[in-house]
C-alpha atoms as a PDB file:
ATOM      1  CA  MET A   1     -15.987   4.087   3.395  1.00  0.00           C
ATOM      2  CA  ILE A   2     -13.110   5.713   1.547  1.00  0.00           C
ATOM      3  CA  GLN A   3     -12.212   9.378   1.854  1.00  0.00           C
ATOM      4  CA  GLU A   4     -11.168  11.533  -1.080  1.00  0.00           C
ATOM      5  CA  SER A   5      -8.081  12.628   0.865  1.00  0.00           C
ATOM      6  CA  GLU A   6      -6.977   8.979   1.240  1.00  0.00           C
ATOM      7  CA  ILE A   7      -7.295   8.434  -2.494  1.00  0.00           C
ATOM      8  CA  ARG A   8      -5.334  11.594  -3.237  1.00  0.00           C
ATOM      9  CA  GLN A   9      -2.546  10.624  -0.843  1.00  0.00           C
ATOM     10  CA  LYS A  10      -2.186   7.146  -2.377  1.00  0.00           C
ATOM     11  CA  LEU A  11      -2.386   8.523  -5.901  1.00  0.00           C
ATOM     12  CA  SER A  12       0.262  11.091  -5.057  1.00  0.00           C
ATOM     13  CA  ALA A  13       2.466   8.298  -3.638  1.00  0.00           C
ATOM     14  CA  LEU A  14       2.030   6.383  -6.913  1.00  0.00           C
ATOM     15  CA  LEU A  15       2.965   9.404  -9.013  1.00  0.00           C
ATOM     16  CA  GLN A  16       6.034  10.012  -6.840  1.00  0.00           C
ATOM     17  CA  TYR A  17       7.148   6.370  -7.340  1.00  0.00           C
ATOM     18  CA  GLN A  18       6.714   5.592  -3.624  1.00  0.00           C
ATOM     19  CA  ILE A  19       4.371   2.693  -4.438  1.00  0.00           C
ATOM     20  CA  SER A  20       3.942   0.586  -7.566  1.00  0.00           C
ATOM     21  CA  LEU A  21       0.982   0.618  -9.911  1.00  0.00           C
ATOM     22  CA  ASP A  22       0.052  -2.882  -8.715  1.00  0.00           C
ATOM     23  CA  GLU A  23       0.179  -1.781  -5.049  1.00  0.00           C
ATOM     24  CA  PHE A  24      -2.023   1.205  -5.814  1.00  0.00           C
ATOM     25  CA  GLU A  25      -4.526  -0.873  -7.771  1.00  0.00           C
ATOM     26  CA  ASP A  26      -4.713  -3.502  -5.005  1.00  0.00           C
ATOM     27  CA  TRP A  27      -5.261  -0.778  -2.393  1.00  0.00           C
ATOM     28  CA  LEU A  28      -7.905   0.962  -4.510  1.00  0.00           C
ATOM     29  CA  VAL A  29      -9.870  -2.223  -5.189  1.00  0.00           C
ATOM     30  CA  GLU A  30      -9.823  -3.173  -1.514  1.00  0.00           C
ATOM     31  CA  HIS A  31     -10.853   0.254  -0.227  1.00  0.00           C
ATOM     32  CA  SER A  32     -13.323   1.335  -2.899  1.00  0.00           C
ATOM     33  CA  TRP A  33     -15.461  -1.809  -2.893  1.00  0.00           C
ATOM     34  CA  ASN A  34     -19.121  -0.744  -2.449  1.00  0.00           C
ATOM     35  CA  MET A  35     -18.052   2.877  -1.974  1.00  0.00           C
ATOM     36  CA  HIS A  36     -21.262   3.979  -3.673  1.00  0.00           C
ATOM     37  CA  LYS A  37     -23.043   3.048  -0.428  1.00  0.00           C
ATOM     38  CA  ASP A  38     -21.174   5.285   1.998  1.00  0.00           C
ATOM     39  CA  SER A  39     -18.518   7.494   0.383  1.00  0.00           C
ATOM     40  CA  GLN A  40     -18.798  11.128  -0.615  1.00  0.00           C
ATOM     41  CA  ARG A  41     -19.579  11.948  -4.216  1.00  0.00           C
ATOM     42  CA  SER A  42     -16.205  13.646  -4.693  1.00  0.00           C
ATOM     43  CA  ALA A  43     -14.417  10.416  -3.679  1.00  0.00           C
ATOM     44  CA  GLN A  44     -16.598   8.411  -6.066  1.00  0.00           C
ATOM     45  CA  ASP A  45     -15.864  10.823  -8.920  1.00  0.00           C
ATOM     46  CA  LEU A  46     -12.112  10.649  -8.294  1.00  0.00           C
ATOM     47  CA  VAL A  47     -12.137   6.841  -8.217  1.00  0.00           C
ATOM     48  CA  SER A  48     -14.192   6.791 -11.414  1.00  0.00           C
ATOM     49  CA  ALA A  49     -11.624   9.000 -13.174  1.00  0.00           C
ATOM     50  CA  VAL A  50      -8.760   6.798 -11.970  1.00  0.00           C
ATOM     51  CA  GLU A  51     -10.526   3.565 -12.935  1.00  0.00           C
ATOM     52  CA  LEU A  52     -11.308   4.934 -16.397  1.00  0.00           C
ATOM     53  CA  ALA A  53      -7.635   5.812 -16.900  1.00  0.00           C
ATOM     54  CA  PHE A  54      -6.597   2.310 -15.748  1.00  0.00           C
ATOM     55  CA  SER A  55      -9.141   0.712 -18.061  1.00  0.00           C
ATOM     56  CA  GLU A  56      -7.897   2.695 -21.061  1.00  0.00           C
ATOM     57  CA  TYR A  57      -4.308   1.807 -20.117  1.00  0.00           C
ATOM     58  CA  SER A  58      -5.003  -1.920 -19.758  1.00  0.00           C
ATOM     59  CA  ASN A  59      -6.842  -1.934 -23.106  1.00  0.00           C
ATOM     60  CA  GLY A  60      -3.838  -0.343 -24.815  1.00  0.00           C
ATOM     61  CA  HIS A  61      -5.509   3.013 -25.459  1.00  0.00           C
ATOM     62  CA  LEU A  62      -3.000   4.831 -23.210  1.00  0.00           C
ATOM     63  CA  ASN A  63       0.735   4.340 -22.899  1.00  0.00           C
ATOM     64  CA  ASP A  64       2.649   4.762 -19.621  1.00  0.00           C
ATOM     65  CA  LYS A  65       3.149   8.502 -20.049  1.00  0.00           C
ATOM     66  CA  GLU A  66      -0.472   9.096 -21.032  1.00  0.00           C
ATOM     67  CA  LEU A  67      -1.648   7.132 -17.980  1.00  0.00           C
ATOM     68  CA  ARG A  68       0.540   9.245 -15.695  1.00  0.00           C
ATOM     69  CA  ASP A  69      -0.737  12.410 -17.389  1.00  0.00           C
ATOM     70  CA  ARG A  70      -4.345  11.321 -16.801  1.00  0.00           C
ATOM     71  CA  LEU A  71      -3.635  10.577 -13.145  1.00  0.00           C
ATOM     72  CA  VAL A  72      -1.937  13.956 -12.713  1.00  0.00           C
ATOM     73  CA  GLN A  73      -4.996  15.578 -14.285  1.00  0.00           C
ATOM     74  CA  ALA A  74      -7.202  13.819 -11.746  1.00  0.00           C
ATOM     75  CA  LEU A  75      -5.093  15.415  -9.002  1.00  0.00           C
ATOM     76  CA  GLY A  76      -4.819  18.806 -10.720  1.00  0.00           C
ATOM     77  CA  GLN A  77      -7.551  20.412  -8.697  1.00  0.00           C
ATOM     78  CA  ILE A  78      -7.969  22.622  -5.676  1.00  0.00           C
ATOM     79  CA  VAL A  79     -10.227  21.101  -3.046  1.00  0.00           C
ATOM     80  CA  VAL A  80     -11.735  23.332  -0.387  1.00  0.00           C
ATOM     81  CA  ASN A  81     -13.776  22.089   2.564  1.00  0.00           C
ATOM     82  CA  VAL A  82     -15.907  24.791   4.137  1.00  0.00           C
ATOM     83  CA  ARG A  83     -17.950  25.283   7.262  1.00  0.00           C
ATOM     84  CA  VAL A  84     -21.196  27.237   7.117  1.00  0.00           C
ATOM     85  CA  THR A  85     -22.186  28.795  10.440  1.00  0.00           C
ATOM     86  CA  ASP A  86     -25.642  29.711  11.711  1.00  0.00           C
ATOM     87  CA  ASN A  87     -25.262  33.242  10.329  1.00  0.00           C
ATOM     88  CA  PHE A  88     -24.320  31.742   6.940  1.00  0.00           C
ATOM     89  CA  ALA A  89     -20.688  32.810   7.149  1.00  0.00           C
ATOM     90  CA  VAL A  90     -18.433  30.495   5.175  1.00  0.00           C
ATOM     91  CA  SER A  91     -14.921  29.741   6.328  1.00  0.00           C
ATOM     92  CA  PRO A  92     -12.446  27.238   4.891  1.00  0.00           C
ATOM     93  CA  LEU A  93     -11.533  24.259   7.066  1.00  0.00           C
ATOM     94  CA  LYS A  94      -8.762  22.855   4.912  1.00  0.00           C
ATOM     95  CA  VAL A  95      -7.389  23.542   1.483  1.00  0.00           C
ATOM     96  CA  SER A  96      -5.379  20.995  -0.452  1.00  0.00           C
ATOM     97  CA  ILE A  97      -3.507  22.003  -3.558  1.00  0.00           C
ATOM     98  CA  ILE A  98      -2.127  19.512  -6.010  1.00  0.00           C
ATOM     99  CA  THR A  99       0.808  20.824  -7.989  1.00  0.00           C
ATOM    100  CA  THR A 100       1.440  19.317 -11.386  1.00  0.00           C
ATOM    101  CA  GLY A 101       5.160  18.847 -10.900  1.00  0.00           C
ATOM    102  CA  THR A 102       8.020  20.059 -13.038  1.00  0.00           C
ATOM    103  CA  SER A 103      10.814  18.553 -15.047  1.00  0.00           C
ATOM    104  CA  SER A 104      12.795  18.397 -11.800  1.00  0.00           C
ATOM    105  CA  GLY A 105      10.249  16.357  -9.899  1.00  0.00           C
ATOM    106  CA  PRO A 106       6.893  14.561  -9.742  1.00  0.00           C
ATOM    107  CA  PRO A 107       3.583  16.059  -8.599  1.00  0.00           C
ATOM    108  CA  GLN A 108       3.239  16.821  -4.926  1.00  0.00           C
ATOM    109  CA  MET A 109       0.315  17.321  -2.604  1.00  0.00           C
ATOM    110  CA  VAL A 110       0.477  20.328  -0.319  1.00  0.00           C
ATOM    111  CA  TRP A 111      -1.940  20.610   2.600  1.00  0.00           C
ATOM    112  CA  VAL A 112      -2.557  24.222   3.492  1.00  0.00           C
ATOM    113  CA  PRO A 113      -4.266  24.707   6.860  1.00  0.00           C
ATOM    114  CA  ALA A 114      -6.995  27.311   6.759  1.00  0.00           C
ATOM    115  CA  LEU A 115      -6.683  30.408   8.871  1.00  0.00           C
ATOM    116  CA  ILE A 116      -9.917  30.600  10.850  1.00  0.00           C
END
């Protein structure tokens, strides 16, 4: 099983030049094998978006910059995990925000603990 948060952390490391594209691809292949059997839908959707970008890149439909832009887009979301109590109150457990980066630096992942 692969968690969406694991994928996001590795993808963020790739986009920050902490790991190479080959290292990321090797990790993704190893950890996403048969993920359709036991991983959450959100993790499957993220891996699908990443694999599509890699496929378009390897077929020459995307250049290096376009690949990076696609991967940043995959991270450019706010993810909120919530807990629903018996009285149907909803409270956030964890919020992760992916910033798109600036000219002074690459994208970064910021984990914001929820105030419960």
